[in-house]
Amino acid sequence: MPNSKIHDPTIRAVLTDIEGTTSSISFVKDVLFPFARQRLPGFIAEHGSEPEVRQALEGARTLAGEPGLDEAATIALLKRWIDEDRKATPLKALQGMIWKEGYHSGRLKGDVYPDAAEYLARWRNEGLALYVYSSGSVLAQKLIFGHTELGDLTPLFSGYFDTAVGTKTDHASYAAIAEVIGLPASQILFLSDNIHELDAAAEIGMATIALDRGEVVIPEGQPHAVAKDFGQIDAPAGRLKDSAS
């Protein structure tokens, strides 16, 4: 059933997840993660003295509660976090830096579903502001949308949010995002394949739609409307198109 909360009749902004929503989970798991894991030791050896990299390494040690880890042990820690898909901000920062080199060299191309690219552009042309909220770093978000087979999509977006604003299953994160966007939560539509994230957004009054790309199981009886692709979404109204209901 669609989200039963009453929203303003007009949505003014769309906030979208990436993995499983605009882009395939398999691209992240099978392409991006292995790319970063393989290059991590060499990247740290080459760039470990640079302030951003040093800050991320220190942040990882602090987060792990082991500030005295040496470089080899820190690399092992980060590799373990990659294998666990740990949503750790220092790890995400380092992955973003490594992916930046991959995108700029042409070894990586951002994976974005054609329907997502088409409808994001259409919604922007209709006057909606577009934002991204992903567990990947803001840098990683800009890279995936900036280096797609469909061209540079970053001009479509008004802003990006990562775990620096808070975890994606905490309603306070969405309240903070709404405050930055400068709109009532009820005028923001959040799109994700993760029901717990959608629950958190709905808790503060955002309109919500779940994306079912066939890569995750959407539980029966969950309260959010479900779309197979962006073409089924009436974004200005914050709901599914009638034919998709």
C-alpha atoms as a PDB file:
ATOM      1  CA  MET A   1       0.000   0.000   0.000  1.00  0.00           C
ATOM      2  CA  PRO A   2       1.168   3.540  -0.620  1.00  0.00           C
ATOM      3  CA  ASN A   3       2.461   5.580   2.278  1.00  0.00           C
ATOM      4  CA  SER A   4      -0.714   6.554   4.113  1.00  0.00           C
ATOM      5  CA  LYS A   5       0.543   9.870   5.480  1.00  0.00           C
ATOM      6  CA  ILE A   6      -0.971  13.022   3.973  1.00  0.00           C
ATOM      7  CA  HIS A   7       1.522  15.167   2.072  1.00  0.00           C
ATOM      8  CA  ASP A   8       1.386  18.569   0.450  1.00  0.00           C
ATOM      9  CA  PRO A   9      -0.181  18.202  -3.023  1.00  0.00           C
ATOM     10  CA  THR A  10       3.011  19.379  -4.701  1.00  0.00           C
ATOM     11  CA  ILE A  11       6.471  17.943  -4.263  1.00  0.00           C
ATOM     12  CA  ARG A  12       9.218  20.500  -4.737  1.00  0.00           C
ATOM     13  CA  ALA A  13      12.309  18.308  -4.301  1.00  0.00           C
ATOM     14  CA  VAL A  14      13.340  14.709  -4.940  1.00  0.00           C
ATOM     15  CA  LEU A  15      15.941  13.063  -2.705  1.00  0.00           C
ATOM     16  CA  THR A  16      17.303   9.848  -4.188  1.00  0.00           C
ATOM     17  CA  ASP A  17      19.417   6.962  -3.018  1.00  0.00           C
ATOM     18  CA  ILE A  18      21.942   5.528  -5.514  1.00  0.00           C
ATOM     19  CA  GLU A  19      22.602   1.826  -4.960  1.00  0.00           C
ATOM     20  CA  GLY A  20      19.562  -0.190  -6.034  1.00  0.00           C
ATOM     21  CA  THR A  21      17.700   2.992  -6.993  1.00  0.00           C
ATOM     22  CA  THR A  22      19.468   4.985  -9.708  1.00  0.00           C
ATOM     23  CA  SER A  23      22.220   2.409 -10.156  1.00  0.00           C
ATOM     24  CA  SER A  24      22.560  -1.355  -9.846  1.00  0.00           C
ATOM     25  CA  ILE A  25      23.738  -2.945  -6.628  1.00  0.00           C
ATOM     26  CA  SER A  26      25.902  -5.290  -8.707  1.00  0.00           C
ATOM     27  CA  PHE A  27      27.908  -2.360 -10.094  1.00  0.00           C
ATOM     28  CA  VAL A  28      28.783  -1.237  -6.585  1.00  0.00           C
ATOM     29  CA  LYS A  29      29.453  -4.732  -5.213  1.00  0.00           C
ATOM     30  CA  ASP A  30      31.135  -6.315  -8.239  1.00  0.00           C
ATOM     31  CA  VAL A  31      32.949  -3.359  -9.812  1.00  0.00           C
ATOM     32  CA  LEU A  32      33.514  -0.464  -7.414  1.00  0.00           C
ATOM     33  CA  PHE A  33      34.289  -2.393  -4.213  1.00  0.00           C
ATOM     34  CA  PRO A  34      36.851  -4.766  -5.818  1.00  0.00           C
ATOM     35  CA  PHE A  35      38.458  -1.834  -7.646  1.00  0.00           C
ATOM     36  CA  ALA A  36      39.012   0.031  -4.385  1.00  0.00           C
ATOM     37  CA  ARG A  37      40.091  -3.070  -2.462  1.00  0.00           C
ATOM     38  CA  GLN A  38      42.730  -4.019  -5.010  1.00  0.00           C
ATOM     39  CA  ARG A  39      44.199  -0.516  -5.228  1.00  0.00           C
ATOM     40  CA  LEU A  40      44.004   0.377  -1.540  1.00  0.00           C
ATOM     41  CA  PRO A  41      47.577  -0.602  -0.507  1.00  0.00           C
ATOM     42  CA  GLY A  42      49.210   1.166  -3.447  1.00  0.00           C
ATOM     43  CA  PHE A  43      47.035   4.242  -3.033  1.00  0.00           C
ATOM     44  CA  ILE A  44      47.928   4.586   0.653  1.00  0.00           C
ATOM     45  CA  ALA A  45      51.622   4.018  -0.083  1.00  0.00           C
ATOM     46  CA  GLU A  46      51.544   6.787  -2.688  1.00  0.00           C
ATOM     47  CA  HIS A  47      49.181   9.278  -1.021  1.00  0.00           C
ATOM     48  CA  GLY A  48      49.302   8.414   2.687  1.00  0.00           C
ATOM     49  CA  SER A  49      51.043  11.665   3.631  1.00  0.00           C
ATOM     50  CA  GLU A  50      48.409  13.864   1.976  1.00  0.00           C
ATOM     51  CA  PRO A  51      46.122  15.615   4.499  1.00  0.00           C
ATOM     52  CA  GLU A  52      42.800  14.152   3.283  1.00  0.00           C
ATOM     53  CA  VAL A  53      44.187  10.625   3.164  1.00  0.00           C
ATOM     54  CA  ARG A  54      45.924  10.949   6.518  1.00  0.00           C
ATOM     55  CA  GLN A  55      42.708  12.271   8.070  1.00  0.00           C
ATOM     56  CA  ALA A  56      40.715   9.318   6.705  1.00  0.00           C
ATOM     57  CA  LEU A  57      43.290   6.811   7.982  1.00  0.00           C
ATOM     58  CA  GLU A  58      43.325   8.405  11.425  1.00  0.00           C
ATOM     59  CA  GLY A  59      39.523   8.448  11.398  1.00  0.00           C
ATOM     60  CA  ALA A  60      39.411   4.725  10.594  1.00  0.00           C
ATOM     61  CA  ARG A  61      41.766   3.901  13.479  1.00  0.00           C
ATOM     62  CA  THR A  62      39.755   6.057  15.859  1.00  0.00           C
ATOM     63  CA  LEU A  63      36.471   4.505  14.746  1.00  0.00           C
ATOM     64  CA  ALA A  64      37.942   1.048  15.284  1.00  0.00           C
ATOM     65  CA  GLY A  65      39.142   2.063  18.759  1.00  0.00           C
ATOM     66  CA  GLU A  66      42.735   1.260  17.777  1.00  0.00           C
ATOM     67  CA  PRO A  67      44.563   4.572  17.287  1.00  0.00           C
ATOM     68  CA  GLY A  68      47.965   2.863  17.367  1.00  0.00           C
ATOM     69  CA  LEU A  69      47.493   0.648  14.296  1.00  0.00           C
ATOM     70  CA  ASP A  70      50.368   0.713  11.823  1.00  0.00           C
ATOM     71  CA  GLU A  71      49.856   1.133   8.081  1.00  0.00           C
ATOM     72  CA  ALA A  72      49.647  -2.594   7.278  1.00  0.00           C
ATOM     73  CA  ALA A  73      47.132  -3.241  10.050  1.00  0.00           C
ATOM     74  CA  THR A  74      45.075  -0.210   8.986  1.00  0.00           C
ATOM     75  CA  ILE A  75      44.951  -1.496   5.408  1.00  0.00           C
ATOM     76  CA  ALA A  76      43.823  -4.905   6.694  1.00  0.00           C
ATOM     77  CA  LEU A  77      41.120  -3.191   8.759  1.00  0.00           C
ATOM     78  CA  LEU A  78      39.878  -1.221   5.752  1.00  0.00           C
ATOM     79  CA  LYS A  79      39.833  -4.311   3.533  1.00  0.00           C
ATOM     80  CA  ARG A  80      37.757  -6.121   6.153  1.00  0.00           C
ATOM     81  CA  TRP A  81      35.327  -3.205   6.240  1.00  0.00           C
ATOM     82  CA  ILE A  82      35.024  -3.332   2.448  1.00  0.00           C
ATOM     83  CA  ASP A  83      34.235  -7.057   2.626  1.00  0.00           C
ATOM     84  CA  GLU A  84      31.622  -6.350   5.312  1.00  0.00           C
ATOM     85  CA  ASP A  85      30.172  -3.376   3.380  1.00  0.00           C
ATOM     86  CA  ARG A  86      30.766  -1.294   6.492  1.00  0.00           C
ATOM     87  CA  LYS A  87      29.148   2.143   6.244  1.00  0.00           C
ATOM     88  CA  ALA A  88      32.176   3.856   7.767  1.00  0.00           C
ATOM     89  CA  THR A  89      32.749   7.464   6.742  1.00  0.00           C
ATOM     90  CA  PRO A  90      36.586   7.219   6.674  1.00  0.00           C
ATOM     91  CA  LEU A  91      36.397   4.140   4.434  1.00  0.00           C
ATOM     92  CA  LYS A  92      33.891   5.813   2.128  1.00  0.00           C
ATOM     93  CA  ALA A  93      36.192   8.832   1.838  1.00  0.00           C
ATOM     94  CA  LEU A  94      39.148   6.658   0.821  1.00  0.00           C
ATOM     95  CA  GLN A  95      37.062   4.660  -1.641  1.00  0.00           C
ATOM     96  CA  GLY A  96      35.925   7.902  -3.237  1.00  0.00           C
ATOM     97  CA  MET A  97      39.515   9.063  -3.705  1.00  0.00           C
ATOM     98  CA  ILE A  98      40.501   5.755  -5.302  1.00  0.00           C
ATOM     99  CA  TRP A  99      37.460   5.731  -7.560  1.00  0.00           C
ATOM    100  CA  LYS A 100      38.275   9.293  -8.620  1.00  0.00           C
ATOM    101  CA  GLU A 101      41.519   8.043 -10.138  1.00  0.00           C
ATOM    102  CA  GLY A 102      39.617   5.222 -11.844  1.00  0.00           C
ATOM    103  CA  TYR A 103      36.983   7.483 -13.361  1.00  0.00           C
ATOM    104  CA  HIS A 104      39.494  10.081 -14.500  1.00  0.00           C
ATOM    105  CA  SER A 105      41.644   7.398 -16.144  1.00  0.00           C
ATOM    106  CA  GLY A 106      38.628   5.955 -17.951  1.00  0.00           C
ATOM    107  CA  ARG A 107      38.874   2.573 -16.206  1.00  0.00           C
ATOM    108  CA  LEU A 108      35.543   3.223 -14.480  1.00  0.00           C
ATOM    109  CA  LYS A 109      32.255   4.419 -15.955  1.00  0.00           C
ATOM    110  CA  GLY A 110      29.341   5.418 -13.758  1.00  0.00           C
ATOM    111  CA  ASP A 111      26.416   3.010 -13.918  1.00  0.00           C
ATOM    112  CA  VAL A 112      23.052   4.804 -14.002  1.00  0.00           C
ATOM    113  CA  TYR A 113      19.810   3.229 -15.184  1.00  0.00           C
ATOM    114  CA  PRO A 114      18.596   4.919 -18.412  1.00  0.00           C
ATOM    115  CA  ASP A 115      15.131   5.462 -16.906  1.00  0.00           C
ATOM    116  CA  ALA A 116      16.696   7.196 -13.898  1.00  0.00           C
ATOM    117  CA  ALA A 117      18.727   9.532 -16.114  1.00  0.00           C
ATOM    118  CA  GLU A 118      15.693  10.283 -18.306  1.00  0.00           C
ATOM    119  CA  TYR A 119      13.269  11.055 -15.504  1.00  0.00           C
ATOM    120  CA  LEU A 120      15.716  12.936 -13.321  1.00  0.00           C
ATOM    121  CA  ALA A 121      16.286  15.266 -16.278  1.00  0.00           C
ATOM    122  CA  ARG A 122      12.532  15.502 -16.885  1.00  0.00           C
ATOM    123  CA  TRP A 123      11.786  16.295 -13.232  1.00  0.00           C
ATOM    124  CA  ARG A 124      14.497  18.934 -13.169  1.00  0.00           C
ATOM    125  CA  ASN A 125      12.982  20.529 -16.281  1.00  0.00           C
ATOM    126  CA  GLU A 126       9.604  20.485 -14.531  1.00  0.00           C
ATOM    127  CA  GLY A 127      11.093  22.615 -11.759  1.00  0.00           C
ATOM    128  CA  LEU A 128      11.861  20.026  -9.099  1.00  0.00           C
ATOM    129  CA  ALA A 129      15.143  20.322  -7.198  1.00  0.00           C
ATOM    130  CA  LEU A 130      17.125  17.077  -7.125  1.00  0.00           C
ATOM    131  CA  TYR A 131      19.347  15.821  -4.300  1.00  0.00           C
ATOM    132  CA  VAL A 132      21.298  12.645  -3.577  1.00  0.00           C
ATOM    133  CA  TYR A 133      21.629  10.842  -0.231  1.00  0.00           C
ATOM    134  CA  SER A 134      23.930   7.841  -0.257  1.00  0.00           C
ATOM    135  CA  SER A 135      26.215   6.007   2.141  1.00  0.00           C
ATOM    136  CA  GLY A 136      28.954   6.587  -0.427  1.00  0.00           C
ATOM    137  CA  SER A 137      30.892   9.814   0.002  1.00  0.00           C
ATOM    138  CA  VAL A 138      29.775  12.996  -1.728  1.00  0.00           C
ATOM    139  CA  LEU A 139      32.869  12.652  -3.924  1.00  0.00           C
ATOM    140  CA  ALA A 140      31.828   9.132  -4.927  1.00  0.00           C
ATOM    141  CA  GLN A 141      28.305  10.362  -5.692  1.00  0.00           C
ATOM    142  CA  LYS A 142      29.581  13.125  -7.968  1.00  0.00           C
ATOM    143  CA  LEU A 143      31.894  10.674  -9.724  1.00  0.00           C
ATOM    144  CA  ILE A 144      29.218   8.091 -10.504  1.00  0.00           C
ATOM    145  CA  PHE A 145      26.875  10.734 -11.945  1.00  0.00           C
ATOM    146  CA  GLY A 146      29.673  12.711 -13.581  1.00  0.00           C
ATOM    147  CA  HIS A 147      31.181   9.880 -15.642  1.00  0.00           C
ATOM    148  CA  THR A 148      28.273   7.868 -17.048  1.00  0.00           C
ATOM    149  CA  GLU A 149      27.814   6.372 -20.492  1.00  0.00           C
ATOM    150  CA  LEU A 150      24.989   8.909 -20.805  1.00  0.00           C
ATOM    151  CA  GLY A 151      27.269  11.865 -20.093  1.00  0.00           C
ATOM    152  CA  ASP A 152      27.750  14.156 -17.103  1.00  0.00           C
ATOM    153  CA  LEU A 153      24.550  14.180 -15.039  1.00  0.00           C
ATOM    154  CA  THR A 154      25.859  16.285 -12.155  1.00  0.00           C
ATOM    155  CA  PRO A 155      24.298  19.534 -13.468  1.00  0.00           C
ATOM    156  CA  LEU A 156      20.900  18.004 -12.655  1.00  0.00           C
ATOM    157  CA  PHE A 157      21.551  18.018  -8.908  1.00  0.00           C
ATOM    158  CA  SER A 158      21.309  20.832  -6.390  1.00  0.00           C
ATOM    159  CA  GLY A 159      23.146  19.013  -3.601  1.00  0.00           C
ATOM    160  CA  TYR A 160      24.548  15.799  -2.183  1.00  0.00           C
ATOM    161  CA  PHE A 161      24.417  14.190   1.267  1.00  0.00           C
ATOM    162  CA  ASP A 162      26.418  11.305   2.746  1.00  0.00           C
ATOM    163  CA  THR A 163      26.819   9.737   6.177  1.00  0.00           C
ATOM    164  CA  ALA A 164      28.372  12.954   7.484  1.00  0.00           C
ATOM    165  CA  VAL A 165      24.760  14.111   7.938  1.00  0.00           C
ATOM    166  CA  GLY A 166      23.886  10.917   9.830  1.00  0.00           C
ATOM    167  CA  THR A 167      23.034   7.276   9.185  1.00  0.00           C
ATOM    168  CA  LYS A 168      20.440   6.512   6.564  1.00  0.00           C
ATOM    169  CA  THR A 169      18.126   4.657   8.941  1.00  0.00           C
ATOM    170  CA  ASP A 170      17.911   7.519  11.457  1.00  0.00           C
ATOM    171  CA  HIS A 171      14.984   9.913  11.042  1.00  0.00           C
ATOM    172  CA  ALA A 172      17.165  12.749  12.381  1.00  0.00           C
ATOM    173  CA  SER A 173      19.300  12.497   9.236  1.00  0.00           C
ATOM    174  CA  TYR A 174      16.287  13.271   7.050  1.00  0.00           C
ATOM    175  CA  ALA A 175      15.241  16.136   9.286  1.00  0.00           C
ATOM    176  CA  ALA A 176      18.728  17.604   8.907  1.00  0.00           C
ATOM    177  CA  ILE A 177      18.577  17.182   5.132  1.00  0.00           C
ATOM    178  CA  ALA A 178      15.170  18.881   4.929  1.00  0.00           C
ATOM    179  CA  GLU A 179      16.570  21.781   6.931  1.00  0.00           C
ATOM    180  CA  VAL A 180      19.503  22.162   4.533  1.00  0.00           C
ATOM    181  CA  ILE A 181      17.227  21.914   1.498  1.00  0.00           C
ATOM    182  CA  GLY A 182      14.992  24.541   3.082  1.00  0.00           C
ATOM    183  CA  LEU A 183      11.656  22.829   2.473  1.00  0.00           C
ATOM    184  CA  PRO A 184       9.055  21.185   4.697  1.00  0.00           C
ATOM    185  CA  ALA A 185       9.618  17.436   4.778  1.00  0.00           C
ATOM    186  CA  SER A 186       6.179  16.943   3.223  1.00  0.00           C
ATOM    187  CA  GLN A 187       7.388  18.648   0.030  1.00  0.00           C
ATOM    188  CA  ILE A 188      10.295  16.228  -0.421  1.00  0.00           C
ATOM    189  CA  LEU A 189       9.995  12.834  -2.113  1.00  0.00           C
ATOM    190  CA  PHE A 190      12.575  10.225  -1.046  1.00  0.00           C
ATOM    191  CA  LEU A 191      13.372   7.269  -3.333  1.00  0.00           C
ATOM    192  CA  SER A 192      15.229   4.177  -2.103  1.00  0.00           C
ATOM    193  CA  ASP A 193      15.300   0.400  -2.329  1.00  0.00           C
ATOM    194  CA  ASN A 194      15.799   0.136   1.444  1.00  0.00           C
ATOM    195  CA  ILE A 195      12.604  -0.062   3.489  1.00  0.00           C
ATOM    196  CA  HIS A 196      14.321   0.970   6.723  1.00  0.00           C
ATOM    197  CA  GLU A 197      15.594   4.142   5.064  1.00  0.00           C
ATOM    198  CA  LEU A 198      12.124   4.872   3.696  1.00  0.00           C
ATOM    199  CA  ASP A 199      10.628   4.309   7.144  1.00  0.00           C
ATOM    200  CA  ALA A 200      13.045   6.852   8.638  1.00  0.00           C
ATOM    201  CA  ALA A 201      12.219   9.438   5.978  1.00  0.00           C
ATOM    202  CA  ALA A 202       8.475   8.863   6.373  1.00  0.00           C
ATOM    203  CA  GLU A 203       8.800   9.301  10.122  1.00  0.00           C
ATOM    204  CA  ILE A 204       9.530  13.011   9.628  1.00  0.00           C
ATOM    205  CA  GLY A 205       6.826  13.392   6.971  1.00  0.00           C
ATOM    206  CA  MET A 206       8.631  12.912   3.655  1.00  0.00           C
ATOM    207  CA  ALA A 207       6.780  11.288   0.784  1.00  0.00           C
ATOM    208  CA  THR A 208       8.379   7.936  -0.019  1.00  0.00           C
ATOM    209  CA  ILE A 209       8.514   5.428  -2.865  1.00  0.00           C
ATOM    210  CA  ALA A 210      10.405   2.133  -2.840  1.00  0.00           C
ATOM    211  CA  LEU A 211      12.318   1.057  -5.951  1.00  0.00           C
ATOM    212  CA  ASP A 212      12.197  -2.640  -6.772  1.00  0.00           C
ATOM    213  CA  ARG A 213      14.918  -3.245  -9.348  1.00  0.00           C
ATOM    214  CA  GLY A 214      14.823  -6.995  -8.757  1.00  0.00           C
ATOM    215  CA  GLU A 215      18.000  -6.982  -6.653  1.00  0.00           C
ATOM    216  CA  VAL A 216      16.437  -6.858  -3.177  1.00  0.00           C
ATOM    217  CA  VAL A 217      13.359  -8.372  -1.588  1.00  0.00           C
ATOM    218  CA  ILE A 218      10.686  -5.779  -0.787  1.00  0.00           C
ATOM    219  CA  PRO A 219       8.778  -7.185   2.210  1.00  0.00           C
ATOM    220  CA  GLU A 220       5.076  -7.878   1.872  1.00  0.00           C
ATOM    221  CA  GLY A 221       2.883  -5.458   3.787  1.00  0.00           C
ATOM    222  CA  GLN A 222       5.458  -2.666   4.044  1.00  0.00           C
ATOM    223  CA  PRO A 223       3.805   0.787   3.906  1.00  0.00           C
ATOM    224  CA  HIS A 224       5.527   2.396   0.920  1.00  0.00           C
ATOM    225  CA  ALA A 225       4.386   2.503  -2.690  1.00  0.00           C
ATOM    226  CA  VAL A 226       6.637   0.403  -4.944  1.00  0.00           C
ATOM    227  CA  ALA A 227       7.878   1.307  -8.429  1.00  0.00           C
ATOM    228  CA  LYS A 228       9.809  -0.919 -10.811  1.00  0.00           C
ATOM    229  CA  ASP A 229      11.492   2.078 -12.425  1.00  0.00           C
ATOM    230  CA  PHE A 230      11.385   5.869 -12.443  1.00  0.00           C
ATOM    231  CA  GLY A 231       8.896   5.898 -15.316  1.00  0.00           C
ATOM    232  CA  GLN A 232       6.176   4.704 -12.920  1.00  0.00           C
ATOM    233  CA  ILE A 233       6.664   7.669 -10.582  1.00  0.00           C
ATOM    234  CA  ASP A 234       4.651  10.890 -10.649  1.00  0.00           C
ATOM    235  CA  ALA A 235       7.293  12.889  -8.807  1.00  0.00           C
ATOM    236  CA  PRO A 236       5.489  16.253  -8.626  1.00  0.00           C
ATOM    237  CA  ALA A 237       2.568  14.505  -6.925  1.00  0.00           C
ATOM    238  CA  GLY A 238       4.783  12.320  -4.732  1.00  0.00           C
ATOM    239  CA  ARG A 239       3.083   9.086  -5.748  1.00  0.00           C
ATOM    240  CA  LEU A 240       2.915   6.395  -8.409  1.00  0.00           C
ATOM    241  CA  LYS A 241       1.287   7.147 -11.736  1.00  0.00           C
ATOM    242  CA  ASP A 242      -2.246   5.800 -11.916  1.00  0.00           C
ATOM    243  CA  SER A 243      -1.253   3.032 -14.321  1.00  0.00           C
ATOM    244  CA  ALA A 244       1.408   1.831 -11.855  1.00  0.00           C
ATOM    245  CA  SER A 245      -0.862   1.756  -8.799  1.00  0.00           C
END
